[in-house]
Amino acid sequence: ARLMHKYNAHGATDVTGFGLLGHAQNLAKHQKNEVSFVIHNLPVITKMAAVAKACGNMFQLLQGHSAETSGGLLICLPREQAAAYCKDIEKQEGYQAWIIGIVEKGNRTARIIDKPRVIEVPSKEKDGELW
């Protein structure tokens, strides 16, 4: 929370039951300004994109609809401070963070581009549990 204040975050949500896209849409809908979120990058646990494809895309992982039981945070930051936030949280907390898209003037919606860049994130195992 301190880093979110330090870098002037103006919105945040956890990514859980509605998937990345559902939570991004909800966050965009509740902004003070009429904006839209455009997602270009999808951080996904290593090999899960291939698993999703092998399963016939039944969970719509790459479309942002896959529900998570313990997803990360989706945080809206000023463009000029986002990279510094990502570096700072990794340095201070040991968590990786990624810039996954942009905020632009719009109609309070969110979308994932047709061919987003998939960022394969290694799973972390601790005492037999991931993350």
C-alpha atoms as a PDB file:
ATOM      1  CA  ALA A   1       0.000   0.000   0.000  1.00  0.00           C
ATOM      2  CA  ARG A   2       2.884   2.383   0.748  1.00  0.00           C
ATOM      3  CA  LEU A   3       4.283   1.937  -2.732  1.00  0.00           C
ATOM      4  CA  MET A   4       0.872   2.494  -4.279  1.00  0.00           C
ATOM      5  CA  HIS A   5       0.671   5.827  -2.447  1.00  0.00           C
ATOM      6  CA  LYS A   6       4.287   6.698  -3.279  1.00  0.00           C
ATOM      7  CA  TYR A   7       3.629   6.199  -6.996  1.00  0.00           C
ATOM      8  CA  ASN A   8       0.186   7.850  -7.028  1.00  0.00           C
ATOM      9  CA  ALA A   9      -1.964   4.828  -7.835  1.00  0.00           C
ATOM     10  CA  HIS A  10      -5.495   5.907  -8.703  1.00  0.00           C
ATOM     11  CA  GLY A  11      -7.183   2.536  -8.766  1.00  0.00           C
ATOM     12  CA  ALA A  12      -6.530  -1.087  -7.869  1.00  0.00           C
ATOM     13  CA  THR A  13      -8.253  -4.450  -7.573  1.00  0.00           C
ATOM     14  CA  ASP A  14      -7.287  -8.037  -6.972  1.00  0.00           C
ATOM     15  CA  VAL A  15      -7.641 -10.363  -9.938  1.00  0.00           C
ATOM     16  CA  THR A  16      -9.744 -13.336  -8.859  1.00  0.00           C
ATOM     17  CA  GLY A  17     -13.112 -14.759  -9.907  1.00  0.00           C
ATOM     18  CA  PHE A  18     -13.789 -12.527 -12.901  1.00  0.00           C
ATOM     19  CA  GLY A  19     -10.403 -13.031 -14.549  1.00  0.00           C
ATOM     20  CA  LEU A  20      -8.091 -10.244 -15.643  1.00  0.00           C
ATOM     21  CA  LEU A  21     -10.489  -8.791 -18.204  1.00  0.00           C
ATOM     22  CA  GLY A  22     -13.512  -8.832 -15.900  1.00  0.00           C
ATOM     23  CA  HIS A  23     -11.647  -7.016 -13.155  1.00  0.00           C
ATOM     24  CA  ALA A  24     -10.148  -4.528 -15.631  1.00  0.00           C
ATOM     25  CA  GLN A  25     -13.640  -3.791 -16.974  1.00  0.00           C
ATOM     26  CA  ASN A  26     -14.962  -3.231 -13.461  1.00  0.00           C
ATOM     27  CA  LEU A  27     -12.056  -0.929 -12.610  1.00  0.00           C
ATOM     28  CA  ALA A  28     -12.495   1.082 -15.833  1.00  0.00           C
ATOM     29  CA  LYS A  29     -16.219   1.421 -15.171  1.00  0.00           C
ATOM     30  CA  HIS A  30     -15.587   3.051 -11.790  1.00  0.00           C
ATOM     31  CA  GLN A  31     -12.925   5.612 -12.752  1.00  0.00           C
ATOM     32  CA  LYS A  32     -13.689   9.322 -12.313  1.00  0.00           C
ATOM     33  CA  ASN A  33     -12.733  10.036 -15.912  1.00  0.00           C
ATOM     34  CA  GLU A  34     -14.130   8.341 -18.995  1.00  0.00           C
ATOM     35  CA  VAL A  35     -11.286   5.998 -19.842  1.00  0.00           C
ATOM     36  CA  SER A  36     -10.706   2.566 -21.305  1.00  0.00           C
ATOM     37  CA  PHE A  37      -8.012   0.022 -20.512  1.00  0.00           C
ATOM     38  CA  VAL A  38      -6.150  -1.652 -23.354  1.00  0.00           C
ATOM     39  CA  ILE A  39      -4.214  -4.741 -22.307  1.00  0.00           C
ATOM     40  CA  HIS A  40      -1.185  -5.698 -24.425  1.00  0.00           C
ATOM     41  CA  ASN A  41       0.677  -8.087 -22.113  1.00  0.00           C
ATOM     42  CA  LEU A  42      -0.556 -11.150 -20.214  1.00  0.00           C
ATOM     43  CA  PRO A  43       1.603 -12.529 -17.399  1.00  0.00           C
ATOM     44  CA  VAL A  44       0.805 -16.254 -17.279  1.00  0.00           C
ATOM     45  CA  ILE A  45       2.442 -19.073 -15.319  1.00  0.00           C
ATOM     46  CA  THR A  46       4.991 -20.823 -17.538  1.00  0.00           C
ATOM     47  CA  LYS A  47       3.500 -23.382 -19.941  1.00  0.00           C
ATOM     48  CA  MET A  48      -0.097 -22.479 -19.065  1.00  0.00           C
ATOM     49  CA  ALA A  49      -0.662 -20.829 -22.455  1.00  0.00           C
ATOM     50  CA  ALA A  50       0.276 -24.150 -24.097  1.00  0.00           C
ATOM     51  CA  VAL A  51      -1.961 -26.051 -21.671  1.00  0.00           C
ATOM     52  CA  ALA A  52      -4.834 -23.676 -22.455  1.00  0.00           C
ATOM     53  CA  LYS A  53      -4.359 -24.279 -26.176  1.00  0.00           C
ATOM     54  CA  ALA A  54      -4.183 -28.070 -25.668  1.00  0.00           C
ATOM     55  CA  CYS A  55      -7.478 -27.905 -23.718  1.00  0.00           C
ATOM     56  CA  GLY A  56      -9.226 -26.167 -26.593  1.00  0.00           C
ATOM     57  CA  ASN A  57      -9.132 -22.806 -24.803  1.00  0.00           C
ATOM     58  CA  MET A  58     -12.017 -23.898 -22.575  1.00  0.00           C
ATOM     59  CA  PHE A  59     -11.031 -21.500 -19.775  1.00  0.00           C
ATOM     60  CA  GLN A  60     -10.303 -18.574 -22.144  1.00  0.00           C
ATOM     61  CA  LEU A  61      -7.011 -17.807 -20.396  1.00  0.00           C
ATOM     62  CA  LEU A  62      -5.575 -15.628 -23.160  1.00  0.00           C
ATOM     63  CA  GLN A  63      -8.857 -13.762 -23.523  1.00  0.00           C
ATOM     64  CA  GLY A  64      -8.692 -12.742 -19.848  1.00  0.00           C
ATOM     65  CA  HIS A  65     -11.707 -14.731 -18.672  1.00  0.00           C
ATOM     66  CA  SER A  66      -9.946 -17.440 -16.668  1.00  0.00           C
ATOM     67  CA  ALA A  67     -10.980 -17.151 -13.026  1.00  0.00           C
ATOM     68  CA  GLU A  68      -8.131 -17.112 -10.523  1.00  0.00           C
ATOM     69  CA  THR A  69      -8.323 -18.295  -6.956  1.00  0.00           C
ATOM     70  CA  SER A  70      -5.468 -16.074  -5.878  1.00  0.00           C
ATOM     71  CA  GLY A  71      -4.522 -13.654  -8.586  1.00  0.00           C
ATOM     72  CA  GLY A  72      -2.281 -10.638  -8.342  1.00  0.00           C
ATOM     73  CA  LEU A  73      -3.165  -6.975  -8.149  1.00  0.00           C
ATOM     74  CA  LEU A  74      -4.206  -4.835 -11.085  1.00  0.00           C
ATOM     75  CA  ILE A  75      -3.017  -1.316 -10.253  1.00  0.00           C
ATOM     76  CA  CYS A  76      -3.593   1.886 -12.245  1.00  0.00           C
ATOM     77  CA  LEU A  77      -0.548   4.143 -12.109  1.00  0.00           C
ATOM     78  CA  PRO A  78       0.503   7.279 -13.948  1.00  0.00           C
ATOM     79  CA  ARG A  79       2.396   6.218 -17.081  1.00  0.00           C
ATOM     80  CA  GLU A  80       5.540   8.074 -16.045  1.00  0.00           C
ATOM     81  CA  GLN A  81       5.704   6.245 -12.695  1.00  0.00           C
ATOM     82  CA  ALA A  82       4.729   2.688 -13.644  1.00  0.00           C
ATOM     83  CA  ALA A  83       8.215   1.367 -14.482  1.00  0.00           C
ATOM     84  CA  ALA A  84       9.671   2.793 -11.264  1.00  0.00           C
ATOM     85  CA  TYR A  85       6.873   1.134  -9.258  1.00  0.00           C
ATOM     86  CA  CYS A  86       7.641  -2.234 -10.879  1.00  0.00           C
ATOM     87  CA  LYS A  87      11.337  -1.941 -10.006  1.00  0.00           C
ATOM     88  CA  ASP A  88      10.631  -0.729  -6.476  1.00  0.00           C
ATOM     89  CA  ILE A  89       8.164  -3.484  -5.558  1.00  0.00           C
ATOM     90  CA  GLU A  90      10.570  -6.158  -6.767  1.00  0.00           C
ATOM     91  CA  LYS A  91      13.437  -4.577  -4.839  1.00  0.00           C
ATOM     92  CA  GLN A  92      11.480  -4.022  -1.609  1.00  0.00           C
ATOM     93  CA  GLU A  93       9.025  -6.920  -1.585  1.00  0.00           C
ATOM     94  CA  GLY A  94      10.542  -9.517  -3.912  1.00  0.00           C
ATOM     95  CA  TYR A  95       7.476  -9.584  -6.185  1.00  0.00           C
ATOM     96  CA  GLN A  96       7.651  -9.149  -9.933  1.00  0.00           C
ATOM     97  CA  ALA A  97       5.315  -6.636 -11.520  1.00  0.00           C
ATOM     98  CA  TRP A  98       4.579  -5.954 -15.175  1.00  0.00           C
ATOM     99  CA  ILE A  99       3.124  -3.117 -17.169  1.00  0.00           C
ATOM    100  CA  ILE A 100       0.321  -4.912 -18.969  1.00  0.00           C
ATOM    101  CA  GLY A 101      -1.370  -2.123 -20.877  1.00  0.00           C
ATOM    102  CA  ILE A 102      -2.397   1.485 -21.137  1.00  0.00           C
ATOM    103  CA  VAL A 103      -5.239   3.726 -20.083  1.00  0.00           C
ATOM    104  CA  GLU A 104      -6.711   5.892 -22.808  1.00  0.00           C
ATOM    105  CA  LYS A 105      -9.680   8.185 -23.209  1.00  0.00           C
ATOM    106  CA  GLY A 106     -12.689   5.985 -23.779  1.00  0.00           C
ATOM    107  CA  ASN A 107     -16.047   4.713 -22.653  1.00  0.00           C
ATOM    108  CA  ARG A 108     -15.217   2.938 -19.356  1.00  0.00           C
ATOM    109  CA  THR A 109     -14.385  -0.435 -20.896  1.00  0.00           C
ATOM    110  CA  ALA A 110     -11.400  -2.768 -21.048  1.00  0.00           C
ATOM    111  CA  ARG A 111     -10.154  -5.008 -23.811  1.00  0.00           C
ATOM    112  CA  ILE A 112      -7.260  -7.292 -24.620  1.00  0.00           C
ATOM    113  CA  ILE A 113      -5.662  -6.786 -28.026  1.00  0.00           C
ATOM    114  CA  ASP A 114      -6.018  -9.594 -30.577  1.00  0.00           C
ATOM    115  CA  LYS A 115      -2.519 -11.021 -30.111  1.00  0.00           C
ATOM    116  CA  PRO A 116      -1.272 -10.001 -26.673  1.00  0.00           C
ATOM    117  CA  ARG A 117       2.311 -10.695 -25.657  1.00  0.00           C
ATOM    118  CA  VAL A 118       2.329 -13.622 -23.238  1.00  0.00           C
ATOM    119  CA  ILE A 119       4.846 -13.155 -20.429  1.00  0.00           C
ATOM    120  CA  GLU A 120       5.694 -16.603 -19.084  1.00  0.00           C
ATOM    121  CA  VAL A 121       6.173 -16.314 -15.331  1.00  0.00           C
ATOM    122  CA  PRO A 122       8.004 -19.145 -13.556  1.00  0.00           C
ATOM    123  CA  SER A 123       5.973 -20.772 -10.814  1.00  0.00           C
ATOM    124  CA  LYS A 124       7.394 -20.495  -7.320  1.00  0.00           C
ATOM    125  CA  GLU A 125       7.087 -23.518  -5.126  1.00  0.00           C
ATOM    126  CA  LYS A 126       7.298 -23.242  -1.363  1.00  0.00           C
ATOM    127  CA  ASP A 127       6.567 -26.206   0.890  1.00  0.00           C
ATOM    128  CA  GLY A 128       4.722 -27.993  -1.896  1.00  0.00           C
ATOM    129  CA  GLU A 129       2.493 -25.016  -2.730  1.00  0.00           C
ATOM    130  CA  LEU A 130       2.751 -22.610  -5.634  1.00  0.00           C
ATOM    131  CA  TRP A 131       3.263 -18.983  -4.717  1.00  0.00           C
END
